[in-house]
Amino acid sequence: MPRVNDSAMTASTAMARQVRRRWRDREAPDGDVIMFADGSLTVMELLRMRPPDRLDDPRAESWHWTETLRATEWSTDSWVEVDSALATHTHAGSRAWAGESAHHGSIGWVALTRDDAGSTLEWLAVSSWSNPFHEVTLDDTAVTAVSTAGRIWTFPRNAPQKVRITDDPACPGSRR
């Protein structure tokens, strides 16, 4: 039977413990990232694909969040607080959270947890380029969050790095 590398297993376990501790302390890595409960981290880049047609309407911009790096061992010098939860929604034993990190330039964040006593983390997405998120819904397939700028972020529950960002269809002049 193959043996698992004990040092790799120890590092992975330590990283997962650190992620759980940081979530309990309501902290997340600074930047554009998705932090998973197993200790892995996906670094993302938010790209503006199309500038606004009207400078006074930021919803007319087109954005895309793309994965640039995935790591199972990582460290960060800077953590942001995710203590300002502006919205939450439960569905089928899970809870979606959305909010802002006001002390770091009003950074937006979205999380998926189990709906248990400890709000056990599944994943947490932080975007230093996003406005705060003030609405969130959860269903069997996705976590959908709406930013204060009117952008709709749809995170597949099991692959949040494949997020889709669209404009708010209820706002006049916005496009999909």
N, C-alpha and C. Protein backbone atom coordinates (compact mmCIF):
# COMPACT_ATOMS: atom_id res chain seq x y z
N MET A 1 0.85 -1.18 0.00
CA MET A 1 0.00 0.00 0.00
C MET A 1 0.89 1.24 0.00
N PRO A 2 0.61 2.24 -0.84
CA PRO A 2 1.44 3.44 -0.89
C PRO A 2 1.35 4.22 0.41
N ARG A 3 2.48 4.82 0.80
CA ARG A 3 2.52 5.63 2.01
C ARG A 3 2.38 7.11 1.64
N VAL A 4 1.64 7.82 2.45
CA VAL A 4 1.47 9.25 2.26
C VAL A 4 2.67 9.95 2.90
N ASN A 5 3.20 10.93 2.23
CA ASN A 5 4.31 11.71 2.75
C ASN A 5 3.84 12.42 4.03
N ASP A 6 4.45 12.03 5.18
CA ASP A 6 4.02 12.57 6.47
C ASP A 6 4.21 14.08 6.56
N SER A 7 5.31 14.61 6.03
CA SER A 7 5.53 16.06 6.13
C SER A 7 4.52 16.83 5.26
N ALA A 8 4.18 16.28 4.10
CA ALA A 8 3.18 16.94 3.25
C ALA A 8 1.81 16.90 3.93
N MET A 9 1.49 15.77 4.56
CA MET A 9 0.23 15.64 5.27
C MET A 9 0.17 16.61 6.44
N THR A 10 1.28 16.76 7.17
CA THR A 10 1.34 17.68 8.29
C THR A 10 1.18 19.12 7.83
N ALA A 11 1.84 19.51 6.75
CA ALA A 11 1.73 20.87 6.22
C ALA A 11 0.30 21.15 5.77
N SER A 12 -0.33 20.18 5.10
CA SER A 12 -1.69 20.35 4.63
C SER A 12 -2.66 20.50 5.81
N THR A 13 -2.49 19.67 6.82
CA THR A 13 -3.33 19.75 8.00
C THR A 13 -3.14 21.07 8.72
N ALA A 14 -1.90 21.52 8.83
CA ALA A 14 -1.61 22.80 9.48
C ALA A 14 -2.25 23.96 8.71
N MET A 15 -2.20 23.91 7.39
CA MET A 15 -2.80 24.97 6.58
C MET A 15 -4.31 24.98 6.76
N ALA A 16 -4.93 23.82 6.77
CA ALA A 16 -6.38 23.74 6.96
C ALA A 16 -6.76 24.28 8.34
N ARG A 17 -5.97 23.98 9.35
CA ARG A 17 -6.24 24.52 10.69
C ARG A 17 -6.11 26.04 10.71
N GLN A 18 -5.09 26.56 10.02
CA GLN A 18 -4.92 28.00 9.97
C GLN A 18 -6.11 28.67 9.28
N VAL A 19 -6.59 28.08 8.19
CA VAL A 19 -7.75 28.62 7.47
C VAL A 19 -8.96 28.65 8.40
N ARG A 20 -9.22 27.56 9.12
CA ARG A 20 -10.36 27.51 10.03
C ARG A 20 -10.21 28.54 11.15
N ARG A 21 -9.01 28.68 11.70
CA ARG A 21 -8.77 29.66 12.77
C ARG A 21 -8.98 31.07 12.25
N ARG A 22 -8.44 31.38 11.09
CA ARG A 22 -8.60 32.72 10.52
C ARG A 22 -10.08 33.01 10.23
N TRP A 23 -10.85 32.02 9.76
CA TRP A 23 -12.27 32.23 9.52
C TRP A 23 -12.98 32.50 10.85
N ARG A 24 -12.67 31.73 11.89
CA ARG A 24 -13.27 31.98 13.21
C ARG A 24 -12.94 33.38 13.71
N ASP A 25 -11.73 33.86 13.40
CA ASP A 25 -11.31 35.22 13.77
C ASP A 25 -11.83 36.26 12.79
N ARG A 26 -12.58 35.80 11.78
CA ARG A 26 -13.17 36.65 10.73
C ARG A 26 -12.09 37.39 9.94
N GLU A 27 -11.11 36.61 9.46
CA GLU A 27 -10.02 37.14 8.65
C GLU A 27 -9.87 36.33 7.38
N ALA A 28 -9.33 36.99 6.34
CA ALA A 28 -9.07 36.35 5.06
C ALA A 28 -7.82 36.96 4.44
N PRO A 29 -7.16 36.24 3.54
CA PRO A 29 -6.00 36.82 2.86
C PRO A 29 -6.41 38.07 2.07
N ASP A 30 -5.55 39.05 2.07
CA ASP A 30 -5.79 40.28 1.32
C ASP A 30 -5.52 40.02 -0.16
N GLY A 31 -6.30 40.63 -1.03
CA GLY A 31 -6.09 40.49 -2.47
C GLY A 31 -7.31 39.94 -3.16
N ASP A 32 -7.11 39.34 -4.30
CA ASP A 32 -8.17 38.68 -5.06
C ASP A 32 -7.93 37.18 -4.94
N VAL A 33 -8.64 36.53 -4.02
CA VAL A 33 -8.36 35.12 -3.72
C VAL A 33 -9.64 34.38 -3.38
N ILE A 34 -9.54 33.06 -3.50
CA ILE A 34 -10.54 32.16 -2.93
C ILE A 34 -9.78 31.24 -2.00
N MET A 35 -10.15 31.26 -0.74
CA MET A 35 -9.53 30.42 0.28
C MET A 35 -10.50 29.28 0.58
N PHE A 36 -10.02 28.05 0.44
CA PHE A 36 -10.84 26.86 0.66
C PHE A 36 -10.58 26.29 2.04
N ALA A 37 -11.57 25.63 2.62
CA ALA A 37 -11.46 25.07 3.96
C ALA A 37 -10.37 24.02 4.08
N ASP A 38 -10.01 23.35 2.98
CA ASP A 38 -8.97 22.33 3.04
C ASP A 38 -7.57 22.94 3.10
N GLY A 39 -7.48 24.28 3.10
CA GLY A 39 -6.19 24.95 3.18
C GLY A 39 -5.64 25.39 1.85
N SER A 40 -6.30 25.05 0.75
CA SER A 40 -5.80 25.48 -0.55
C SER A 40 -6.27 26.91 -0.85
N LEU A 41 -5.58 27.53 -1.78
CA LEU A 41 -5.84 28.92 -2.11
C LEU A 41 -5.76 29.09 -3.61
N THR A 42 -6.70 29.83 -4.16
CA THR A 42 -6.68 30.19 -5.57
C THR A 42 -6.50 31.70 -5.66
N VAL A 43 -5.48 32.13 -6.38
CA VAL A 43 -5.24 33.55 -6.59
C VAL A 43 -5.93 33.92 -7.90
N MET A 44 -6.68 35.02 -7.87
CA MET A 44 -7.48 35.42 -9.01
C MET A 44 -7.02 36.79 -9.49
N GLU A 45 -7.41 37.13 -10.70
CA GLU A 45 -7.16 38.46 -11.25
C GLU A 45 -8.47 38.97 -11.83
N LEU A 46 -8.88 40.15 -11.38
CA LEU A 46 -10.09 40.76 -11.89
C LEU A 46 -9.72 41.67 -13.04
N LEU A 47 -10.20 41.32 -14.24
CA LEU A 47 -9.86 42.06 -15.44
C LEU A 47 -11.07 42.83 -15.96
N ARG A 48 -10.86 44.08 -16.32
CA ARG A 48 -11.92 44.85 -16.96
C ARG A 48 -11.83 44.57 -18.45
N MET A 49 -12.85 43.89 -18.98
CA MET A 49 -12.85 43.47 -20.38
C MET A 49 -13.36 44.56 -21.31
N ARG A 50 -14.25 45.41 -20.80
CA ARG A 50 -14.83 46.47 -21.63
C ARG A 50 -15.02 47.69 -20.74
N PRO A 51 -14.45 48.83 -21.12
CA PRO A 51 -14.66 50.04 -20.32
C PRO A 51 -16.10 50.52 -20.45
N PRO A 52 -16.54 51.36 -19.54
CA PRO A 52 -17.93 51.82 -19.60
C PRO A 52 -18.16 52.73 -20.81
N ASP A 53 -19.36 52.60 -21.38
CA ASP A 53 -19.75 53.49 -22.47
C ASP A 53 -20.01 54.89 -21.92
N ARG A 54 -20.53 54.91 -20.70
CA ARG A 54 -20.80 56.17 -20.02
C ARG A 54 -19.95 56.21 -18.76
N LEU A 55 -19.16 57.24 -18.59
CA LEU A 55 -18.27 57.34 -17.43
C LEU A 55 -19.03 57.44 -16.12
N ASP A 56 -20.27 57.87 -16.14
CA ASP A 56 -21.05 58.02 -14.92
C ASP A 56 -21.78 56.73 -14.53
N ASP A 57 -21.63 55.65 -15.28
CA ASP A 57 -22.32 54.40 -14.99
C ASP A 57 -21.34 53.23 -14.96
N PRO A 58 -20.78 52.92 -13.77
CA PRO A 58 -19.79 51.84 -13.69
C PRO A 58 -20.37 50.46 -14.01
N ARG A 59 -21.71 50.31 -13.98
CA ARG A 59 -22.32 49.01 -14.29
C ARG A 59 -22.18 48.66 -15.75
N ALA A 60 -21.86 49.63 -16.60
CA ALA A 60 -21.72 49.37 -18.03
C ALA A 60 -20.39 48.71 -18.36
N GLU A 61 -19.54 48.56 -17.37
CA GLU A 61 -18.25 47.88 -17.59
C GLU A 61 -18.47 46.37 -17.67
N SER A 62 -17.55 45.68 -18.31
CA SER A 62 -17.59 44.23 -18.38
C SER A 62 -16.36 43.69 -17.65
N TRP A 63 -16.57 42.78 -16.69
CA TRP A 63 -15.49 42.25 -15.87
C TRP A 63 -15.39 40.74 -16.00
N HIS A 64 -14.20 40.23 -15.76
CA HIS A 64 -13.97 38.78 -15.76
C HIS A 64 -12.95 38.47 -14.67
N TRP A 65 -13.27 37.50 -13.82
CA TRP A 65 -12.35 37.07 -12.76
C TRP A 65 -11.71 35.78 -13.22
N THR A 66 -10.40 35.75 -13.33
CA THR A 66 -9.71 34.58 -13.87
C THR A 66 -8.70 34.04 -12.88
N GLU A 67 -8.59 32.72 -12.84
CA GLU A 67 -7.64 32.06 -11.94
C GLU A 67 -6.22 32.21 -12.49
N THR A 68 -5.29 32.67 -11.65
CA THR A 68 -3.90 32.81 -12.09
C THR A 68 -2.97 31.82 -11.40
N LEU A 69 -3.37 31.32 -10.24
CA LEU A 69 -2.49 30.43 -9.47
C LEU A 69 -3.31 29.66 -8.46
N ARG A 70 -2.98 28.39 -8.27
CA ARG A 70 -3.61 27.59 -7.23
C ARG A 70 -2.51 26.99 -6.37
N ALA A 71 -2.66 27.07 -5.05
CA ALA A 71 -1.62 26.61 -4.14
C ALA A 71 -2.21 25.78 -3.01
N THR A 72 -1.46 24.79 -2.57
CA THR A 72 -1.87 24.00 -1.40
C THR A 72 -1.06 24.40 -0.17
N GLU A 73 0.07 25.06 -0.38
CA GLU A 73 0.86 25.63 0.71
C GLU A 73 1.14 27.07 0.36
N TRP A 74 0.86 27.98 1.27
CA TRP A 74 1.01 29.39 0.98
C TRP A 74 1.11 30.16 2.30
N SER A 75 1.55 31.38 2.20
CA SER A 75 1.57 32.27 3.36
C SER A 75 1.24 33.67 2.88
N THR A 76 0.82 34.49 3.80
CA THR A 76 0.51 35.88 3.46
C THR A 76 0.92 36.77 4.62
N ASP A 77 1.41 37.94 4.28
CA ASP A 77 1.78 38.90 5.31
C ASP A 77 0.60 39.76 5.70
N SER A 78 -0.41 39.82 4.86
CA SER A 78 -1.51 40.75 5.09
C SER A 78 -2.84 40.00 5.09
N TRP A 79 -3.61 40.20 6.14
CA TRP A 79 -4.94 39.62 6.26
C TRP A 79 -5.94 40.75 6.41
N VAL A 80 -7.14 40.59 5.90
CA VAL A 80 -8.20 41.58 6.05
C VAL A 80 -9.30 40.98 6.92
N GLU A 81 -10.00 41.84 7.62
CA GLU A 81 -11.12 41.35 8.42
C GLU A 81 -12.34 41.19 7.52
N VAL A 82 -13.12 40.18 7.80
CA VAL A 82 -14.38 39.96 7.08
C VAL A 82 -15.51 39.91 8.11
N ASP A 83 -15.45 40.88 9.02
CA ASP A 83 -16.41 40.89 10.12
C ASP A 83 -17.70 41.62 9.82
N SER A 84 -17.74 42.37 8.74
CA SER A 84 -18.97 43.09 8.38
C SER A 84 -19.78 42.27 7.39
N ALA A 85 -20.65 41.42 7.92
CA ALA A 85 -21.55 40.63 7.07
C ALA A 85 -22.79 41.47 6.81
N LEU A 86 -23.02 41.82 5.56
CA LEU A 86 -24.15 42.67 5.19
C LEU A 86 -25.37 41.86 4.76
N ALA A 87 -25.15 40.57 4.44
CA ALA A 87 -26.27 39.72 4.02
C ALA A 87 -25.92 38.26 4.28
N THR A 88 -26.93 37.46 4.52
CA THR A 88 -26.75 36.02 4.69
C THR A 88 -28.02 35.32 4.22
N HIS A 89 -27.86 34.07 3.75
CA HIS A 89 -29.00 33.30 3.25
C HIS A 89 -28.71 31.83 3.48
N THR A 90 -29.70 31.08 3.96
CA THR A 90 -29.52 29.65 4.19
C THR A 90 -30.32 28.84 3.19
N HIS A 91 -29.79 27.65 2.90
CA HIS A 91 -30.48 26.72 2.00
C HIS A 91 -29.89 25.33 2.20
N ALA A 92 -30.73 24.37 2.51
CA ALA A 92 -30.37 22.95 2.56
C ALA A 92 -29.09 22.67 3.37
N GLY A 93 -29.01 23.23 4.57
CA GLY A 93 -27.88 22.95 5.44
C GLY A 93 -26.63 23.77 5.18
N SER A 94 -26.71 24.73 4.29
CA SER A 94 -25.58 25.62 3.99
C SER A 94 -26.00 27.07 4.21
N ARG A 95 -25.01 27.92 4.36
CA ARG A 95 -25.26 29.35 4.54
C ARG A 95 -24.30 30.14 3.66
N ALA A 96 -24.84 31.10 2.92
CA ALA A 96 -24.02 32.02 2.14
C ALA A 96 -23.92 33.33 2.93
N TRP A 97 -22.74 33.93 2.86
CA TRP A 97 -22.48 35.19 3.54
C TRP A 97 -21.97 36.18 2.50
N ALA A 98 -22.20 37.47 2.73
CA ALA A 98 -21.65 38.50 1.87
C ALA A 98 -21.44 39.75 2.71
N GLY A 99 -20.39 40.51 2.37
CA GLY A 99 -20.14 41.71 3.15
C GLY A 99 -19.00 42.53 2.63
N GLU A 100 -18.38 43.25 3.57
CA GLU A 100 -17.27 44.11 3.22
C GLU A 100 -16.22 44.12 4.32
N SER A 101 -15.03 44.46 3.92
CA SER A 101 -13.94 44.72 4.84
C SER A 101 -13.70 46.22 4.79
N ALA A 102 -14.36 46.95 5.67
CA ALA A 102 -14.37 48.41 5.61
C ALA A 102 -13.02 49.03 5.96
N HIS A 103 -12.24 48.36 6.77
CA HIS A 103 -10.96 48.94 7.20
C HIS A 103 -9.86 48.80 6.17
N HIS A 104 -10.16 48.16 5.05
CA HIS A 104 -9.16 47.98 4.01
C HIS A 104 -9.69 48.47 2.66
N GLY A 105 -10.32 49.61 2.66
CA GLY A 105 -10.77 50.19 1.39
C GLY A 105 -12.08 49.66 0.89
N SER A 106 -12.92 49.15 1.78
CA SER A 106 -14.25 48.67 1.41
C SER A 106 -14.18 47.51 0.42
N ILE A 107 -13.45 46.48 0.79
CA ILE A 107 -13.26 45.28 -0.03
C ILE A 107 -14.48 44.37 0.10
N GLY A 108 -14.93 43.79 -1.03
CA GLY A 108 -16.06 42.88 -1.02
C GLY A 108 -15.64 41.44 -0.79
N TRP A 109 -16.49 40.67 -0.09
CA TRP A 109 -16.22 39.25 0.15
C TRP A 109 -17.52 38.46 0.17
N VAL A 110 -17.40 37.16 -0.19
CA VAL A 110 -18.52 36.22 -0.21
C VAL A 110 -18.01 34.90 0.35
N ALA A 111 -18.81 34.23 1.17
CA ALA A 111 -18.39 32.95 1.74
C ALA A 111 -19.53 31.94 1.69
N LEU A 112 -19.16 30.66 1.66
CA LEU A 112 -20.10 29.56 1.78
C LEU A 112 -19.67 28.73 2.98
N THR A 113 -20.61 28.51 3.91
CA THR A 113 -20.33 27.70 5.10
C THR A 113 -21.43 26.67 5.28
N ARG A 114 -21.17 25.74 6.17
CA ARG A 114 -22.25 24.87 6.62
C ARG A 114 -23.10 25.69 7.59
N ASP A 115 -24.35 25.41 7.65
CA ASP A 115 -25.23 26.12 8.59
C ASP A 115 -25.25 25.36 9.91
N ASP A 116 -24.08 25.32 10.56
CA ASP A 116 -23.95 24.64 11.84
C ASP A 116 -23.52 25.66 12.90
N ALA A 117 -23.34 25.21 14.11
CA ALA A 117 -23.01 26.12 15.22
C ALA A 117 -21.72 26.89 14.98
N GLY A 118 -20.76 26.30 14.31
CA GLY A 118 -19.49 26.96 14.06
C GLY A 118 -19.37 27.65 12.71
N SER A 119 -20.44 27.63 11.91
CA SER A 119 -20.39 28.16 10.54
C SER A 119 -19.14 27.65 9.83
N THR A 120 -19.00 26.33 9.78
CA THR A 120 -17.83 25.67 9.21
C THR A 120 -17.62 26.11 7.77
N LEU A 121 -16.45 26.66 7.49
CA LEU A 121 -16.15 27.24 6.19
C LEU A 121 -15.99 26.19 5.10
N GLU A 122 -16.59 26.44 3.95
CA GLU A 122 -16.35 25.66 2.73
C GLU A 122 -15.35 26.44 1.86
N TRP A 123 -15.67 27.72 1.58
CA TRP A 123 -14.77 28.60 0.85
C TRP A 123 -15.12 30.06 1.13
N LEU A 124 -14.14 30.91 0.86
CA LEU A 124 -14.30 32.35 1.05
C LEU A 124 -13.63 33.06 -0.11
N ALA A 125 -14.37 33.91 -0.81
CA ALA A 125 -13.84 34.68 -1.94
C ALA A 125 -13.71 36.14 -1.51
N VAL A 126 -12.53 36.71 -1.75
CA VAL A 126 -12.25 38.10 -1.40
C VAL A 126 -11.76 38.80 -2.66
N SER A 127 -12.30 39.97 -2.93
CA SER A 127 -11.84 40.73 -4.08
C SER A 127 -11.55 42.17 -3.68
N SER A 128 -10.28 42.52 -3.69
CA SER A 128 -9.89 43.88 -3.32
C SER A 128 -10.39 44.91 -4.34
N TRP A 129 -10.83 44.45 -5.53
CA TRP A 129 -11.33 45.35 -6.57
C TRP A 129 -12.85 45.43 -6.59
N SER A 130 -13.51 44.59 -5.81
CA SER A 130 -14.97 44.61 -5.82
C SER A 130 -15.50 45.58 -4.78
N ASN A 131 -16.64 46.17 -5.10
CA ASN A 131 -17.39 46.90 -4.08
C ASN A 131 -17.91 45.88 -3.08
N PRO A 132 -18.33 46.34 -1.91
CA PRO A 132 -18.93 45.41 -0.94
C PRO A 132 -20.14 44.71 -1.55
N PHE A 133 -20.46 43.56 -0.99
CA PHE A 133 -21.64 42.82 -1.42
C PHE A 133 -22.74 43.04 -0.39
N HIS A 134 -23.93 43.46 -0.85
CA HIS A 134 -25.01 43.77 0.08
C HIS A 134 -26.21 42.84 -0.04
N GLU A 135 -26.18 41.92 -1.01
CA GLU A 135 -27.23 40.92 -1.16
C GLU A 135 -26.58 39.58 -1.48
N VAL A 136 -27.17 38.49 -0.98
CA VAL A 136 -26.67 37.16 -1.31
C VAL A 136 -27.83 36.17 -1.29
N THR A 137 -27.83 35.24 -2.24
CA THR A 137 -28.79 34.14 -2.26
C THR A 137 -28.03 32.85 -2.51
N LEU A 138 -28.64 31.76 -2.11
CA LEU A 138 -28.01 30.44 -2.19
C LEU A 138 -29.06 29.45 -2.67
N ASP A 139 -28.67 28.59 -3.63
CA ASP A 139 -29.55 27.50 -4.05
C ASP A 139 -28.71 26.23 -4.17
N ASP A 140 -29.23 25.23 -4.82
CA ASP A 140 -28.52 23.95 -4.92
C ASP A 140 -27.23 24.03 -5.73
N THR A 141 -27.12 25.00 -6.63
CA THR A 141 -25.97 25.04 -7.53
C THR A 141 -25.05 26.24 -7.38
N ALA A 142 -25.55 27.36 -6.81
CA ALA A 142 -24.74 28.58 -6.82
C ALA A 142 -24.99 29.48 -5.62
N VAL A 143 -23.98 30.30 -5.35
CA VAL A 143 -24.09 31.43 -4.44
C VAL A 143 -24.08 32.66 -5.34
N THR A 144 -25.11 33.48 -5.22
CA THR A 144 -25.21 34.68 -6.04
C THR A 144 -25.17 35.90 -5.13
N ALA A 145 -24.23 36.79 -5.40
CA ALA A 145 -24.07 37.99 -4.58
C ALA A 145 -24.14 39.22 -5.46
N VAL A 146 -24.73 40.29 -4.93
CA VAL A 146 -24.86 41.54 -5.66
C VAL A 146 -24.03 42.59 -4.94
N SER A 147 -23.16 43.25 -5.71
CA SER A 147 -22.31 44.28 -5.12
C SER A 147 -23.07 45.61 -5.08
N THR A 148 -22.55 46.53 -4.29
CA THR A 148 -23.19 47.85 -4.20
C THR A 148 -23.07 48.62 -5.50
N ALA A 149 -22.21 48.18 -6.43
CA ALA A 149 -22.11 48.80 -7.76
C ALA A 149 -23.11 48.18 -8.74
N GLY A 150 -23.89 47.17 -8.29
CA GLY A 150 -24.90 46.57 -9.14
C GLY A 150 -24.43 45.39 -9.95
N ARG A 151 -23.21 44.89 -9.70
CA ARG A 151 -22.73 43.71 -10.42
C ARG A 151 -23.20 42.45 -9.71
N ILE A 152 -23.60 41.47 -10.50
CA ILE A 152 -24.06 40.19 -9.96
C ILE A 152 -22.95 39.17 -10.16
N TRP A 153 -22.49 38.60 -9.06
CA TRP A 153 -21.43 37.58 -9.07
C TRP A 153 -22.10 36.24 -8.77
N THR A 154 -22.00 35.29 -9.70
CA THR A 154 -22.58 33.97 -9.51
C THR A 154 -21.45 32.96 -9.36
N PHE A 155 -21.30 32.45 -8.13
CA PHE A 155 -20.25 31.49 -7.80
C PHE A 155 -20.83 30.09 -7.81
N PRO A 156 -20.39 29.18 -8.69
CA PRO A 156 -20.81 27.79 -8.57
C PRO A 156 -20.39 27.26 -7.20
N ARG A 157 -21.29 26.60 -6.50
CA ARG A 157 -21.00 26.15 -5.13
C ARG A 157 -19.74 25.30 -5.03
N ASN A 158 -19.54 24.40 -5.99
CA ASN A 158 -18.41 23.47 -5.91
C ASN A 158 -17.19 23.93 -6.70
N ALA A 159 -17.27 25.07 -7.37
CA ALA A 159 -16.14 25.60 -8.13
C ALA A 159 -16.22 27.14 -8.15
N PRO A 160 -16.07 27.76 -6.99
CA PRO A 160 -16.26 29.22 -6.92
C PRO A 160 -15.29 30.02 -7.78
N GLN A 161 -14.16 29.42 -8.15
CA GLN A 161 -13.20 30.11 -9.01
C GLN A 161 -13.75 30.31 -10.43
N LYS A 162 -14.84 29.65 -10.75
CA LYS A 162 -15.47 29.81 -12.07
C LYS A 162 -16.61 30.82 -12.00
N VAL A 163 -16.44 31.82 -11.18
CA VAL A 163 -17.46 32.85 -10.97
C VAL A 163 -17.79 33.56 -12.28
N ARG A 164 -19.05 33.94 -12.43
CA ARG A 164 -19.51 34.71 -13.58
C ARG A 164 -19.98 36.06 -13.06
N ILE A 165 -19.53 37.14 -13.67
CA ILE A 165 -19.89 38.49 -13.24
C ILE A 165 -20.72 39.14 -14.34
N THR A 166 -21.91 39.58 -13.97
CA THR A 166 -22.80 40.23 -14.93
C THR A 166 -23.31 41.54 -14.36
N ASP A 167 -23.94 42.33 -15.19
CA ASP A 167 -24.54 43.58 -14.76
C ASP A 167 -25.89 43.31 -14.14
N ASP A 168 -26.40 44.27 -13.42
CA ASP A 168 -27.72 44.18 -12.80
C ASP A 168 -28.79 44.42 -13.87
N PRO A 169 -29.57 43.39 -14.23
CA PRO A 169 -30.57 43.55 -15.29
C PRO A 169 -31.70 44.51 -14.91
N ALA A 170 -31.86 44.79 -13.63
CA ALA A 170 -32.94 45.68 -13.20
C ALA A 170 -32.58 47.15 -13.37
N CYS A 171 -31.31 47.44 -13.61
CA CYS A 171 -30.87 48.83 -13.74
C CYS A 171 -30.94 49.27 -15.20
N PRO A 172 -31.56 50.40 -15.46
CA PRO A 172 -31.62 50.90 -16.85
C PRO A 172 -30.23 51.15 -17.40
N GLY A 173 -30.04 50.79 -18.62
CA GLY A 173 -28.76 51.04 -19.29
C GLY A 173 -27.73 49.97 -19.06
N SER A 174 -27.99 49.00 -18.19
CA SER A 174 -26.98 47.96 -17.99
C SER A 174 -27.16 46.87 -19.03
N ARG A 175 -26.05 46.17 -19.32
CA ARG A 175 -26.07 45.09 -20.31
C ARG A 175 -25.58 43.81 -19.66
N ARG A 176 -25.88 42.70 -20.28
CA ARG A 176 -25.37 41.40 -19.81
C ARG A 176 -24.20 41.01 -20.66
